[in-house]
Protein backbone atom coordinates (compact mmCIF):
# COMPACT_ATOMS: atom_id res chain seq x y z
CA MET A 1 -38.13 -7.97 -1.33
CA PRO A 2 -35.55 -8.49 1.35
CA GLU A 3 -34.89 -5.48 3.53
CA LYS A 4 -31.48 -3.85 3.31
CA LYS A 5 -29.60 -3.75 6.54
CA ALA A 6 -28.26 -0.36 7.49
CA LYS A 7 -24.50 -0.21 7.71
CA PRO A 8 -23.27 0.89 11.10
CA LYS A 9 -21.87 4.41 10.99
CA LYS A 10 -18.16 4.69 11.51
CA LYS A 11 -17.39 6.75 14.57
CA PRO A 12 -14.96 9.62 13.94
CA ASP A 13 -11.49 9.28 15.35
CA ARG A 14 -11.57 11.54 18.39
CA LYS A 15 -7.79 11.89 18.30
CA LEU A 16 -8.10 14.19 15.27
CA SER A 17 -9.63 17.64 15.28
CA GLN A 18 -12.56 18.45 13.00
CA LYS A 19 -10.19 20.28 10.66
CA GLU A 20 -7.85 17.29 10.45
CA ARG A 21 -10.78 14.93 9.76
CA PHE A 22 -12.00 17.30 7.01
CA ILE A 23 -8.56 17.41 5.38
CA GLU A 24 -8.29 13.63 5.59
CA ALA A 25 -11.70 13.22 3.94
CA ALA A 26 -10.78 15.72 1.21
CA ARG A 27 -7.59 13.82 0.45
CA ALA A 28 -9.50 10.53 0.35
CA ALA A 29 -11.87 12.13 -2.18
CA GLU A 30 -8.83 13.37 -4.13
CA ALA A 31 -9.93 16.99 -3.82
CA ASP A 32 -7.90 19.60 -5.71
CA GLU A 33 -5.90 21.70 -3.26
CA THR A 34 -4.71 24.25 -5.82
CA GLY A 35 -8.09 25.69 -6.73
CA GLU A 36 -7.36 25.38 -10.46
CA THR A 37 -10.45 23.27 -11.09
CA PHE A 38 -12.60 25.79 -9.25
CA GLU A 39 -11.16 28.71 -11.24
CA ARG A 40 -11.62 26.88 -14.54
CA THR A 41 -15.25 26.08 -13.69
CA ILE A 42 -16.01 29.65 -12.57
CA GLU A 43 -14.55 31.02 -15.82
CA LYS A 44 -16.97 28.82 -17.77
CA ILE A 45 -19.91 30.12 -15.74
CA ILE A 46 -18.80 33.77 -15.56
CA PRO A 47 -16.63 34.67 -18.55
CA PRO A 48 -13.63 36.91 -17.81
CA GLY A 49 -14.33 40.59 -18.32
CA SER A 50 -17.97 40.47 -17.31
CA LYS A 51 -18.56 42.68 -14.29
CA LYS A 52 -21.68 43.64 -12.42
């Protein structure tokens, strides 16, 4: 089998802070900024009204 060549890693843009790079990556991944998806998922795992 032919060996796969490793892709060179893209160096982070040093002009942006870590926070700005994180936000940019989240937008590229189309992350939900409202938290609605998270809340909906948590409600499926832990039904409302159940308390410890």
